[in-house]
Amino acid sequence: MFTIVVLAATASAAFAGGEGGVLGERQARVNAAKACKAPAALPEADFRATHKGQSFREFYGRNRNGWNTYGKCVSSRNKGT
C-alpha cells in the first residue's frame, strides 16, 4: 500500500511540473512564446539598438525559405540559448 501511495504522489508531482514534469515543460514553452512576442513587436530601430545592430530576423535567423524567425526565437529560448 505504501509503495502505491509514493508512486502516485511522485507521478502527480511530475505531471504538475515538479522536477521538469509535463506541465513544467509546457509552461516553459508558453513562456518562451510570450517572451518572443515582445521583441518581435518592437520597432526595428529599437530592436537593433539592443541587439548589436541586428534586426529580429537577422538575430534569430531564418529557415531555407526565409521565414519562421519567430519559431526560431521560441526554439532558441526553449533550448536555453
Protein backbone atom coordinates (compact mmCIF):
# COMPACT_ATOMS: atom_id res chain seq x y z
CA MET A 1 0.00 0.00 0.00
CA PHE A 2 2.78 2.41 0.89
CA THR A 3 4.52 1.84 -2.46
CA ILE A 4 1.37 2.70 -4.39
CA VAL A 5 0.89 5.96 -2.47
CA VAL A 6 4.51 7.01 -3.03
CA LEU A 7 4.34 6.20 -6.74
CA ALA A 8 1.06 8.08 -7.11
CA ALA A 9 2.48 11.12 -5.32
CA THR A 10 5.62 11.03 -7.48
CA ALA A 11 3.62 10.74 -10.70
CA SER A 12 1.34 13.56 -9.61
CA ALA A 13 4.28 15.84 -8.83
CA ALA A 14 5.94 15.05 -12.18
CA PHE A 15 2.75 15.80 -14.10
CA ALA A 16 2.21 19.03 -12.20
CA GLY A 17 5.60 20.33 -13.21
CA GLY A 18 7.83 19.29 -10.35
CA GLU A 19 11.29 18.19 -11.50
CA GLY A 20 10.65 19.01 -15.16
CA GLY A 21 7.23 17.38 -15.39
CA VAL A 22 4.75 17.63 -18.23
CA LEU A 23 3.13 20.87 -17.13
CA GLY A 24 6.50 22.41 -16.28
CA GLU A 25 7.77 21.77 -19.80
CA ARG A 26 4.56 23.13 -21.31
CA GLN A 27 4.82 26.24 -19.14
CA ALA A 28 8.39 26.78 -20.35
CA ARG A 29 7.21 26.58 -23.99
CA VAL A 30 4.38 29.03 -23.32
CA ASN A 31 6.75 31.44 -21.59
CA ALA A 32 9.22 31.20 -24.46
CA ALA A 33 6.46 32.01 -26.94
CA LYS A 34 5.38 35.01 -24.88
CA ALA A 35 8.98 36.12 -24.47
CA CYS A 36 9.43 36.24 -28.25
CA LYS A 37 6.29 38.26 -28.92
CA ALA A 38 7.57 41.43 -27.25
CA PRO A 39 10.86 41.78 -29.14
CA ALA A 40 9.17 40.78 -32.40
CA ALA A 41 6.68 43.61 -31.93
CA LEU A 42 9.35 46.25 -31.22
CA PRO A 43 10.08 48.82 -33.90
CA GLU A 44 13.12 47.64 -35.83
CA ALA A 45 15.29 50.56 -34.70
CA ASP A 46 14.61 49.75 -31.04
CA PHE A 47 15.40 46.07 -31.53
CA ARG A 48 18.61 46.92 -33.39
CA ALA A 49 19.68 49.26 -30.57
CA THR A 50 19.59 46.41 -28.06
CA HIS A 51 20.83 43.55 -30.28
CA LYS A 52 24.16 44.72 -31.74
CA GLY A 53 22.57 46.41 -34.74
CA GLN A 54 20.78 43.29 -35.97
CA SER A 55 17.09 43.09 -36.87
CA PHE A 56 14.85 40.43 -35.29
CA ARG A 57 15.18 38.33 -38.45
CA GLU A 58 18.96 38.71 -38.58
CA PHE A 59 19.37 37.99 -34.86
CA TYR A 60 17.32 34.76 -34.75
CA GLY A 61 17.89 33.57 -38.30
CA ARG A 62 15.52 32.03 -40.84
CA ASN A 63 14.81 28.68 -42.41
CA ARG A 64 15.53 27.80 -46.06
CA ASN A 65 12.62 29.76 -47.50
CA GLY A 66 13.34 32.89 -45.47
CA TRP A 67 10.54 32.54 -42.92
CA ASN A 68 9.97 31.22 -39.39
CA THR A 69 12.09 33.70 -37.48
CA TYR A 70 9.54 33.71 -34.65
CA GLY A 71 9.70 29.89 -34.45
CA LYS A 72 13.47 30.04 -34.28
CA CYS A 73 13.23 32.55 -31.43
CA VAL A 74 10.90 30.25 -29.47
CA SER A 75 13.10 27.25 -30.19
CA SER A 76 16.26 29.03 -29.05
CA ARG A 77 14.58 30.10 -25.81
CA ASN A 78 13.32 26.56 -25.16
CA LYS A 79 16.87 25.27 -25.60
CA GLY A 80 18.12 27.91 -23.20
CA THR A 81 20.44 29.62 -25.64
